[in-house]
């Protein structure tokens, strides 16, 4: 995902056919964390290119309230991924969920 922070990085990652590989990985991968990372990267690759002044997404200023909201959403996503991993482990061990 870090490679896609810059416009040039996004262009290179797209040019190498990464989307096709990620799509195939997404079909067979079972780890919820890997699936979530795949989905985030796919969204970057298929999304519209950011506007002027956003060549490097790591340098974009994010308003404080939006940053708090994003952190809360990230925490919720992490908690959901942990829950999904626990359930997957229990299923592998033959414990009904």
PDB file of N, CA and C in Angstrom:
ATOM      1  N   UNK A   1       0.826  -1.185   0.000  1.00  0.00           N
ATOM      2  CA  UNK A   1       0.000   0.000   0.000  1.00  0.00           C
ATOM      3  C   UNK A   1       0.876   1.256   0.000  1.00  0.00           C
ATOM      4  N   UNK A   2       2.006   1.193   0.664  1.00  0.00           N
ATOM      5  CA  UNK A   2       2.912   2.347   0.704  1.00  0.00           C
ATOM      6  C   UNK A   2       3.387   2.734  -0.694  1.00  0.00           C
ATOM      7  N   UNK A   3       3.540   1.752  -1.563  1.00  0.00           N
ATOM      8  CA  UNK A   3       3.990   2.048  -2.927  1.00  0.00           C
ATOM      9  C   UNK A   3       2.992   2.912  -3.683  1.00  0.00           C
ATOM     10  N   UNK A   4       1.748   2.912  -3.254  1.00  0.00           N
ATOM     11  CA  UNK A   4       0.726   3.672  -3.967  1.00  0.00           C
ATOM     12  C   UNK A   4       0.506   5.062  -3.379  1.00  0.00           C
ATOM     13  N   UNK A   5       1.364   5.486  -2.481  1.00  0.00           N
ATOM     14  CA  UNK A   5       1.214   6.806  -1.866  1.00  0.00           C
ATOM     15  C   UNK A   5       1.474   7.925  -2.871  1.00  0.00           C
ATOM     16  N   UNK A   6       2.339   7.687  -3.841  1.00  0.00           N
ATOM     17  CA  UNK A   6       2.651   8.729  -4.826  1.00  0.00           C
ATOM     18  C   UNK A   6       2.012   8.395  -6.169  1.00  0.00           C
ATOM     19  N   UNK A   7       1.773   9.422  -6.952  1.00  0.00           N
ATOM     20  CA  UNK A   7       1.173   9.248  -8.281  1.00  0.00           C
ATOM     21  C   UNK A   7       2.024   8.305  -9.132  1.00  0.00           C
ATOM     22  N   UNK A   8       3.335   8.487  -9.113  1.00  0.00           N
ATOM     23  CA  UNK A   8       4.230   7.619  -9.880  1.00  0.00           C
ATOM     24  C   UNK A   8       4.186   6.180  -9.397  1.00  0.00           C
ATOM     25  N   UNK A   9       4.108   6.006  -8.088  1.00  0.00           N
ATOM     26  CA  UNK A   9       4.004   4.664  -7.521  1.00  0.00           C
ATOM     27  C   UNK A   9       2.720   3.979  -7.944  1.00  0.00           C
ATOM     28  N   UNK A  10       1.611   4.717  -7.900  1.00  0.00           N
ATOM     29  CA  UNK A  10       0.325   4.146  -8.324  1.00  0.00           C
ATOM     30  C   UNK A  10       0.381   3.750  -9.791  1.00  0.00           C
ATOM     31  N   UNK A  11       0.965   4.601 -10.601  1.00  0.00           N
ATOM     32  CA  UNK A  11       1.077   4.314 -12.039  1.00  0.00           C
ATOM     33  C   UNK A  11       1.903   3.043 -12.266  1.00  0.00           C
ATOM     34  N   UNK A  12       3.013   2.915 -11.555  1.00  0.00           N
ATOM     35  CA  UNK A  12       3.876   1.734 -11.709  1.00  0.00           C
ATOM     36  C   UNK A  12       3.167   0.468 -11.254  1.00  0.00           C
ATOM     37  N   UNK A  13       2.515   0.528 -10.091  1.00  0.00           N
ATOM     38  CA  UNK A  13       1.819  -0.648  -9.568  1.00  0.00           C
ATOM     39  C   UNK A  13       0.713  -1.076 -10.534  1.00  0.00           C
ATOM     40  N   UNK A  14      -0.012  -0.115 -11.094  1.00  0.00           N
ATOM     41  CA  UNK A  14      -1.049  -0.459 -12.082  1.00  0.00           C
ATOM     42  C   UNK A  14      -0.432  -1.088 -13.329  1.00  0.00           C
ATOM     43  N   UNK A  15       0.668  -0.504 -13.810  1.00  0.00           N
ATOM     44  CA  UNK A  15       1.300  -0.970 -15.055  1.00  0.00           C
ATOM     45  C   UNK A  15       1.831  -2.396 -14.938  1.00  0.00           C
ATOM     46  N   UNK A  16       2.147  -2.837 -13.741  1.00  0.00           N
ATOM     47  CA  UNK A  16       2.703  -4.181 -13.540  1.00  0.00           C
ATOM     48  C   UNK A  16       1.624  -5.255 -13.432  1.00  0.00           C
ATOM     49  N   UNK A  17       0.364  -4.875 -13.588  1.00  0.00           N
ATOM     50  CA  UNK A  17      -0.706  -5.863 -13.542  1.00  0.00           C
ATOM     51  C   UNK A  17      -1.051  -6.335 -12.142  1.00  0.00           C
ATOM     52  N   UNK A  18      -0.781  -5.512 -11.167  1.00  0.00           N
ATOM     53  CA  UNK A  18      -1.004  -5.890  -9.776  1.00  0.00           C
ATOM     54  C   UNK A  18      -2.467  -6.192  -9.489  1.00  0.00           C
ATOM     55  N   UNK A  19      -3.366  -5.463 -10.130  1.00  0.00           N
ATOM     56  CA  UNK A  19      -4.792  -5.681  -9.878  1.00  0.00           C
ATOM     57  C   UNK A  19      -5.191  -7.124 -10.179  1.00  0.00           C
ATOM     58  N   UNK A  20      -4.706  -7.672 -11.278  1.00  0.00           N
ATOM     59  CA  UNK A  20      -5.050  -9.044 -11.667  1.00  0.00           C
ATOM     60  C   UNK A  20      -4.560 -10.037 -10.608  1.00  0.00           C
ATOM     61  N   UNK A  21      -3.359  -9.816 -10.101  1.00  0.00           N
ATOM     62  CA  UNK A  21      -2.800 -10.695  -9.067  1.00  0.00           C
ATOM     63  C   UNK A  21      -3.620 -10.585  -7.782  1.00  0.00           C
ATOM     64  N   UNK A  22      -3.953  -9.359  -7.387  1.00  0.00           N
ATOM     65  CA  UNK A  22      -4.739  -9.157  -6.166  1.00  0.00           C
ATOM     66  C   UNK A  22      -6.124  -9.779  -6.288  1.00  0.00           C
ATOM     67  N   UNK A  23      -6.724  -9.655  -7.452  1.00  0.00           N
ATOM     68  CA  UNK A  23      -8.047 -10.244  -7.677  1.00  0.00           C
ATOM     69  C   UNK A  23      -7.984 -11.761  -7.492  1.00  0.00           C
ATOM     70  N   UNK A  24      -6.951 -12.398  -8.051  1.00  0.00           N
ATOM     71  CA  UNK A  24      -6.788 -13.851  -7.907  1.00  0.00           C
ATOM     72  C   UNK A  24      -6.517 -14.223  -6.449  1.00  0.00           C
ATOM     73  N   UNK A  25      -5.676 -13.447  -5.777  1.00  0.00           N
ATOM     74  CA  UNK A  25      -5.385 -13.705  -4.366  1.00  0.00           C
ATOM     75  C   UNK A  25      -6.654 -13.599  -3.528  1.00  0.00           C
ATOM     76  N   UNK A  26      -7.454 -12.589  -3.810  1.00  0.00           N
ATOM     77  CA  UNK A  26      -8.674 -12.355  -3.044  1.00  0.00           C
ATOM     78  C   UNK A  26      -9.636 -13.542  -3.152  1.00  0.00           C
ATOM     79  N   UNK A  27      -9.610 -14.241  -4.262  1.00  0.00           N
ATOM     80  CA  UNK A  27     -10.501 -15.396  -4.459  1.00  0.00           C
ATOM     81  C   UNK A  27     -10.135 -16.582  -3.571  1.00  0.00           C
ATOM     82  N   UNK A  28      -8.850 -16.726  -3.232  1.00  0.00           N
ATOM     83  CA  UNK A  28      -8.417 -17.923  -2.505  1.00  0.00           C
ATOM     84  C   UNK A  28      -7.960 -17.653  -1.072  1.00  0.00           C
ATOM     85  N   UNK A  29      -7.649 -16.429  -0.750  1.00  0.00           N
ATOM     86  CA  UNK A  29      -7.132 -16.092   0.587  1.00  0.00           C
ATOM     87  C   UNK A  29      -8.237 -16.225   1.630  1.00  0.00           C
ATOM     88  N   UNK A  30      -7.886 -16.716   2.802  1.00  0.00           N
ATOM     89  CA  UNK A  30      -8.857 -16.897   3.884  1.00  0.00           C
ATOM     90  C   UNK A  30      -8.584 -15.994   5.083  1.00  0.00           C
ATOM     91  N   UNK A  31      -7.385 -15.456   5.197  1.00  0.00           N
ATOM     92  CA  UNK A  31      -7.053 -14.609   6.346  1.00  0.00           C
ATOM     93  C   UNK A  31      -7.771 -13.267   6.203  1.00  0.00           C
ATOM     94  N   UNK A  32      -8.625 -12.900   7.166  1.00  0.00           N
ATOM     95  CA  UNK A  32      -9.372 -11.647   7.072  1.00  0.00           C
ATOM     96  C   UNK A  32      -8.479 -10.411   6.951  1.00  0.00           C
ATOM     97  N   UNK A  33      -7.327 -10.408   7.606  1.00  0.00           N
ATOM     98  CA  UNK A  33      -6.420  -9.260   7.519  1.00  0.00           C
ATOM     99  C   UNK A  33      -5.834  -9.096   6.134  1.00  0.00           C
ATOM    100  N   UNK A  34      -5.463 -10.210   5.522  1.00  0.00           N
ATOM    101  CA  UNK A  34      -4.921 -10.165   4.160  1.00  0.00           C
ATOM    102  C   UNK A  34      -6.013  -9.725   3.191  1.00  0.00           C
ATOM    103  N   UNK A  35      -7.225 -10.247   3.378  1.00  0.00           N
ATOM    104  CA  UNK A  35      -8.340  -9.847   2.517  1.00  0.00           C
ATOM    105  C   UNK A  35      -8.614  -8.347   2.631  1.00  0.00           C
ATOM    106  N   UNK A  36      -8.588  -7.824   3.845  1.00  0.00           N
ATOM    107  CA  UNK A  36      -8.830  -6.391   4.048  1.00  0.00           C
ATOM    108  C   UNK A  36      -7.745  -5.558   3.376  1.00  0.00           C
ATOM    109  N   UNK A  37      -6.495  -5.980   3.490  1.00  0.00           N
ATOM    110  CA  UNK A  37      -5.394  -5.255   2.840  1.00  0.00           C
ATOM    111  C   UNK A  37      -5.550  -5.300   1.326  1.00  0.00           C
ATOM    112  N   UNK A  38      -5.930  -6.456   0.794  1.00  0.00           N
ATOM    113  CA  UNK A  38      -6.169  -6.595  -0.654  1.00  0.00           C
ATOM    114  C   UNK A  38      -7.251  -5.617  -1.099  1.00  0.00           C
ATOM    115  N   UNK A  39      -8.336  -5.583  -0.350  1.00  0.00           N
ATOM    116  CA  UNK A  39      -9.457  -4.715  -0.713  1.00  0.00           C
ATOM    117  C   UNK A  39      -9.059  -3.245  -0.692  1.00  0.00           C
ATOM    118  N   UNK A  40      -8.275  -2.842   0.314  1.00  0.00           N
ATOM    119  CA  UNK A  40      -7.826  -1.441   0.373  1.00  0.00           C
ATOM    120  C   UNK A  40      -6.959  -1.097  -0.834  1.00  0.00           C
ATOM    121  N   UNK A  41      -6.037  -1.998  -1.167  1.00  0.00           N
ATOM    122  CA  UNK A  41      -5.148  -1.740  -2.296  1.00  0.00           C
ATOM    123  C   UNK A  41      -5.923  -1.724  -3.611  1.00  0.00           C
ATOM    124  N   UNK A  42      -6.865  -2.634  -3.762  1.00  0.00           N
ATOM    125  CA  UNK A  42      -7.688  -2.650  -4.975  1.00  0.00           C
ATOM    126  C   UNK A  42      -8.451  -1.337  -5.105  1.00  0.00           C
ATOM    127  N   UNK A  43      -8.987  -0.817  -4.005  1.00  0.00           N
ATOM    128  CA  UNK A  43      -9.705   0.455  -4.056  1.00  0.00           C
ATOM    129  C   UNK A  43      -8.806   1.587  -4.546  1.00  0.00           C
ATOM    130  N   UNK A  44      -7.558   1.582  -4.097  1.00  0.00           N
ATOM    131  CA  UNK A  44      -6.612   2.606  -4.551  1.00  0.00           C
ATOM    132  C   UNK A  44      -6.344   2.442  -6.043  1.00  0.00           C
ATOM    133  N   UNK A  45      -6.167   1.210  -6.485  1.00  0.00           N
ATOM    134  CA  UNK A  45      -5.810   0.964  -7.883  1.00  0.00           C
ATOM    135  C   UNK A  45      -6.952   1.254  -8.850  1.00  0.00           C
ATOM    136  N   UNK A  46      -8.185   0.968  -8.451  1.00  0.00           N
ATOM    137  CA  UNK A  46      -9.299   1.177  -9.378  1.00  0.00           C
ATOM    138  C   UNK A  46      -9.974   2.526  -9.178  1.00  0.00           C
ATOM    139  N   UNK A  47      -9.612   3.231  -8.113  1.00  0.00           N
ATOM    140  CA  UNK A  47     -10.230   4.523  -7.836  1.00  0.00           C
ATOM    141  C   UNK A  47      -9.718   5.623  -8.753  1.00  0.00           C
ATOM    142  N   UNK A  48     -10.442   6.733  -8.736  1.00  0.00           N
ATOM    143  CA  UNK A  48     -10.017   7.907  -9.499  1.00  0.00           C
ATOM    144  C   UNK A  48      -8.722   8.451  -8.912  1.00  0.00           C
ATOM    145  N   UNK A  49      -7.901   8.999  -9.776  1.00  0.00           N
ATOM    146  CA  UNK A  49      -6.637   9.599  -9.340  1.00  0.00           C
ATOM    147  C   UNK A  49      -6.956  10.887  -8.581  1.00  0.00           C
ATOM    148  N   UNK A  50      -6.330  11.100  -7.407  1.00  0.00           N
ATOM    149  CA  UNK A  50      -6.568  12.320  -6.633  1.00  0.00           C
ATOM    150  C   UNK A  50      -6.248  13.579  -7.444  1.00  0.00           C
ATOM    151  N   UNK A  51      -6.857  14.671  -7.042  1.00  0.00           N
ATOM    152  CA  UNK A  51      -6.714  15.925  -7.758  1.00  0.00           C
ATOM    153  C   UNK A  51      -5.353  16.577  -7.601  1.00  0.00           C
ATOM    154  N   UNK A  52      -5.221  17.777  -8.170  1.00  0.00           N
ATOM    155  CA  UNK A  52      -3.961  18.521  -8.100  1.00  0.00           C
ATOM    156  C   UNK A  52      -3.533  18.762  -6.651  1.00  0.00           C
ATOM    157  N   UNK A  53      -2.231  18.711  -6.421  1.00  0.00           N
ATOM    158  CA  UNK A  53      -1.695  18.933  -5.091  1.00  0.00           C
ATOM    159  C   UNK A  53      -1.725  17.700  -4.209  1.00  0.00           C
ATOM    160  N   UNK A  54      -2.149  16.590  -4.763  1.00  0.00           N
ATOM    161  CA  UNK A  54      -2.227  15.349  -3.989  1.00  0.00           C
ATOM    162  C   UNK A  54      -1.371  14.268  -4.626  1.00  0.00           C
ATOM    163  N   UNK A  55      -0.234  14.657  -5.155  1.00  0.00           N
ATOM    164  CA  UNK A  55       0.657  13.681  -5.779  1.00  0.00           C
ATOM    165  C   UNK A  55       1.191  12.679  -4.770  1.00  0.00           C
ATOM    166  N   UNK A  56       1.406  13.126  -3.527  1.00  0.00           N
ATOM    167  CA  UNK A  56       1.882  12.230  -2.473  1.00  0.00           C
ATOM    168  C   UNK A  56       0.831  12.214  -1.369  1.00  0.00           C
ATOM    169  N   UNK A  57       0.091  11.126  -1.266  1.00  0.00           N
ATOM    170  CA  UNK A  57      -1.013  11.041  -0.310  1.00  0.00           C
ATOM    171  C   UNK A  57      -0.547  11.035   1.135  1.00  0.00           C
ATOM    172  N   UNK A  58       0.727  10.719   1.368  1.00  0.00           N
ATOM    173  CA  UNK A  58       1.247  10.746   2.733  1.00  0.00           C
ATOM    174  C   UNK A  58       1.473  12.172   3.225  1.00  0.00           C
ATOM    175  N   UNK A  59       1.452  13.130   2.311  1.00  0.00           N
ATOM    176  CA  UNK A  59       1.696  14.524   2.682  1.00  0.00           C
ATOM    177  C   UNK A  59       0.428  15.373   2.666  1.00  0.00           C
ATOM    178  N   UNK A  60      -0.726  14.753   2.467  1.00  0.00           N
ATOM    179  CA  UNK A  60      -1.992  15.484   2.438  1.00  0.00           C
ATOM    180  C   UNK A  60      -2.404  15.820   3.871  1.00  0.00           C
ATOM    181  N   UNK A  61      -2.815  17.064   4.091  1.00  0.00           N
ATOM    182  CA  UNK A  61      -3.280  17.487   5.405  1.00  0.00           C
ATOM    183  C   UNK A  61      -4.721  17.023   5.597  1.00  0.00           C
ATOM    184  N   UNK A  62      -4.951  16.305   6.685  1.00  0.00           N
ATOM    185  CA  UNK A  62      -6.286  15.795   6.993  1.00  0.00           C
ATOM    186  C   UNK A  62      -6.827  16.590   8.173  1.00  0.00           C
ATOM    187  N   UNK A  63      -8.042  17.151   8.041  1.00  0.00           N
ATOM    188  CA  UNK A  63      -8.621  17.892   9.166  1.00  0.00           C
ATOM    189  C   UNK A  63      -8.697  17.018  10.421  1.00  0.00           C
ATOM    190  N   UNK A  64      -8.522  17.658  11.578  1.00  0.00           N
ATOM    191  CA  UNK A  64      -8.425  16.936  12.847  1.00  0.00           C
ATOM    192  C   UNK A  64      -9.648  16.059  13.123  1.00  0.00           C
ATOM    193  N   UNK A  65     -10.844  16.593  12.909  1.00  0.00           N
ATOM    194  CA  UNK A  65     -12.063  15.814  13.176  1.00  0.00           C
ATOM    195  C   UNK A  65     -12.147  14.603  12.248  1.00  0.00           C
ATOM    196  N   UNK A  66     -11.802  14.777  10.997  1.00  0.00           N
ATOM    197  CA  UNK A  66     -11.808  13.657  10.058  1.00  0.00           C
ATOM    198  C   UNK A  66     -10.779  12.611  10.467  1.00  0.00           C
ATOM    199  N   UNK A  67      -9.624  13.068  10.929  1.00  0.00           N
ATOM    200  CA  UNK A  67      -8.596  12.131  11.384  1.00  0.00           C
ATOM    201  C   UNK A  67      -9.095  11.310  12.571  1.00  0.00           C
ATOM    202  N   UNK A  68      -9.809  11.948  13.496  1.00  0.00           N
ATOM    203  CA  UNK A  68     -10.377  11.211  14.638  1.00  0.00           C
ATOM    204  C   UNK A  68     -11.389  10.166  14.162  1.00  0.00           C
ATOM    205  N   UNK A  69     -12.233  10.559  13.218  1.00  0.00           N
ATOM    206  CA  UNK A  69     -13.223   9.618  12.683  1.00  0.00           C
ATOM    207  C   UNK A  69     -12.541   8.435  12.002  1.00  0.00           C
ATOM    208  N   UNK A  70     -11.513   8.718  11.232  1.00  0.00           N
ATOM    209  CA  UNK A  70     -10.795   7.649  10.535  1.00  0.00           C
ATOM    210  C   UNK A  70     -10.110   6.713  11.519  1.00  0.00           C
ATOM    211  N   UNK A  71      -9.556   7.270  12.587  1.00  0.00           N
ATOM    212  CA  UNK A  71      -8.921   6.424  13.609  1.00  0.00           C
ATOM    213  C   UNK A  71      -9.954   5.526  14.292  1.00  0.00           C
ATOM    214  N   UNK A  72     -11.141   6.082  14.588  1.00  0.00           N
ATOM    215  CA  UNK A  72     -12.206   5.265  15.185  1.00  0.00           C
ATOM    216  C   UNK A  72     -12.616   4.142  14.235  1.00  0.00           C
ATOM    217  N   UNK A  73     -12.768   4.471  12.964  1.00  0.00           N
ATOM    218  CA  UNK A  73     -13.142   3.460  11.975  1.00  0.00           C
ATOM    219  C   UNK A  73     -12.057   2.393  11.857  1.00  0.00           C
ATOM    220  N   UNK A  74     -10.807   2.809  11.904  1.00  0.00           N
ATOM    221  CA  UNK A  74      -9.699   1.857  11.828  1.00  0.00           C
ATOM    222  C   UNK A  74      -9.712   0.923  13.034  1.00  0.00           C
ATOM    223  N   UNK A  75      -9.968   1.469  14.214  1.00  0.00           N
ATOM    224  CA  UNK A  75     -10.044   0.645  15.419  1.00  0.00           C
ATOM    225  C   UNK A  75     -11.188  -0.362  15.310  1.00  0.00           C
ATOM    226  N   UNK A  76     -12.340   0.083  14.824  1.00  0.00           N
ATOM    227  CA  UNK A  76     -13.472  -0.828  14.645  1.00  0.00           C
ATOM    228  C   UNK A  76     -13.133  -1.929  13.643  1.00  0.00           C
ATOM    229  N   UNK A  77     -12.460  -1.557  12.571  1.00  0.00           N
ATOM    230  CA  UNK A  77     -12.064  -2.551  11.570  1.00  0.00           C
ATOM    231  C   UNK A  77     -11.089  -3.565  12.170  1.00  0.00           C
ATOM    232  N   UNK A  78     -10.136  -3.093  12.957  1.00  0.00           N
ATOM    233  CA  UNK A  78      -9.177  -3.996  13.591  1.00  0.00           C
ATOM    234  C   UNK A  78      -9.885  -4.955  14.550  1.00  0.00           C
ATOM    235  N   UNK A  79     -10.845  -4.440  15.307  1.00  0.00           N
ATOM    236  CA  UNK A  79     -11.598  -5.297  16.225  1.00  0.00           C
ATOM    237  C   UNK A  79     -12.398  -6.343  15.458  1.00  0.00           C
ATOM    238  N   UNK A  80     -13.001  -5.943  14.356  1.00  0.00           N
ATOM    239  CA  UNK A  80     -13.759  -6.883  13.525  1.00  0.00           C
ATOM    240  C   UNK A  80     -12.841  -7.949  12.929  1.00  0.00           C
ATOM    241  N   UNK A  81     -11.663  -7.552  12.479  1.00  0.00           N
ATOM    242  CA  UNK A  81     -10.708  -8.521  11.936  1.00  0.00           C
ATOM    243  C   UNK A  81     -10.268  -9.518  13.008  1.00  0.00           C
ATOM    244  N   UNK A  82     -10.045  -9.036  14.219  1.00  0.00           N
ATOM    245  CA  UNK A  82      -9.669  -9.936  15.319  1.00  0.00           C
ATOM    246  C   UNK A  82     -10.787 -10.935  15.598  1.00  0.00           C
ATOM    247  N   UNK A  83     -12.030 -10.447  15.601  1.00  0.00           N
ATOM    248  CA  UNK A  83     -13.169 -11.333  15.824  1.00  0.00           C
ATOM    249  C   UNK A  83     -13.255 -12.388  14.722  1.00  0.00           C
ATOM    250  N   UNK A  84     -13.077 -11.969  13.481  1.00  0.00           N
ATOM    251  CA  UNK A  84     -13.145 -12.897  12.356  1.00  0.00           C
ATOM    252  C   UNK A  84     -12.023 -13.936  12.429  1.00  0.00           C
ATOM    253  N   UNK A  85     -10.846 -13.511  12.839  1.00  0.00           N
ATOM    254  CA  UNK A  85      -9.730 -14.455  12.973  1.00  0.00           C
ATOM    255  C   UNK A  85     -10.008 -15.479  14.072  1.00  0.00           C
ATOM    256  N   UNK A  86     -10.557 -14.999  15.195  1.00  0.00           N
ATOM    257  CA  UNK A  86     -10.895 -15.935  16.280  1.00  0.00           C
ATOM    258  C   UNK A  86     -11.915 -16.961  15.804  1.00  0.00           C
ATOM    259  N   UNK A  87     -12.936 -16.496  15.091  1.00  0.00           N
ATOM    260  CA  UNK A  87     -13.957 -17.413  14.587  1.00  0.00           C
ATOM    261  C   UNK A  87     -13.369 -18.405  13.591  1.00  0.00           C
ATOM    262  N   UNK A  88     -12.491 -17.937  12.726  1.00  0.00           N
ATOM    263  CA  UNK A  88     -11.861 -18.835  11.751  1.00  0.00           C
ATOM    264  C   UNK A  88     -11.022 -19.891  12.460  1.00  0.00           C
ATOM    265  N   UNK A  89     -10.314 -19.485  13.501  1.00  0.00           N
ATOM    266  CA  UNK A  89      -9.500 -20.432  14.269  1.00  0.00           C
ATOM    267  C   UNK A  89     -10.386 -21.469  14.946  1.00  0.00           C
ATOM    268  N   UNK A  90     -11.491 -21.021  15.519  1.00  0.00           N
ATOM    269  CA  UNK A  90     -12.407 -21.954  16.171  1.00  0.00           C
ATOM    270  C   UNK A  90     -12.989 -22.948  15.166  1.00  0.00           C
ATOM    271  N   UNK A  91     -13.346 -22.467  13.979  1.00  0.00           N
ATOM    272  CA  UNK A  91     -13.875 -23.367  12.941  1.00  0.00           C
ATOM    273  C   UNK A  91     -12.835 -24.399  12.542  1.00  0.00           C
ATOM    274  N   UNK A  92     -11.583 -23.970  12.416  1.00  0.00           N
ATOM    275  CA  UNK A  92     -10.511 -24.904  12.055  1.00  0.00           C
ATOM    276  C   UNK A  92     -10.331 -25.962  13.138  1.00  0.00           C
ATOM    277  N   UNK A  93     -10.582 -25.565  14.377  1.00  0.00           N
ATOM    278  CA  UNK A  93     -10.440 -26.499  15.498  1.00  0.00           C
ATOM    279  C   UNK A  93     -11.697 -27.340  15.703  1.00  0.00           C
ATOM    280  N   UNK A  94     -12.710 -27.126  14.854  1.00  0.00           N
ATOM    281  CA  UNK A  94     -13.935 -27.910  14.949  1.00  0.00           C
ATOM    282  C   UNK A  94     -14.921 -27.420  15.983  1.00  0.00           C
ATOM    283  N   UNK A  95     -14.736 -26.204  16.476  1.00  0.00           N
ATOM    284  CA  UNK A  95     -15.647 -25.637  17.468  1.00  0.00           C
ATOM    285  C   UNK A  95     -16.702 -24.829  16.724  1.00  0.00           C
ATOM    286  N   UNK A  96     -17.993 -25.121  16.934  1.00  0.00           N
ATOM    287  CA  UNK A  96     -19.028 -24.342  16.244  1.00  0.00           C
ATOM    288  C   UNK A  96     -19.033 -22.888  16.723  1.00  0.00           C
ATOM    289  N   UNK A  97     -19.319 -21.964  15.796  1.00  0.00           N
ATOM    290  CA  UNK A  97     -19.377 -20.540  16.160  1.00  0.00           C
ATOM    291  C   UNK A  97     -20.773 -20.009  16.037  1.00  0.00           C
TER     292      UNK A  97
END
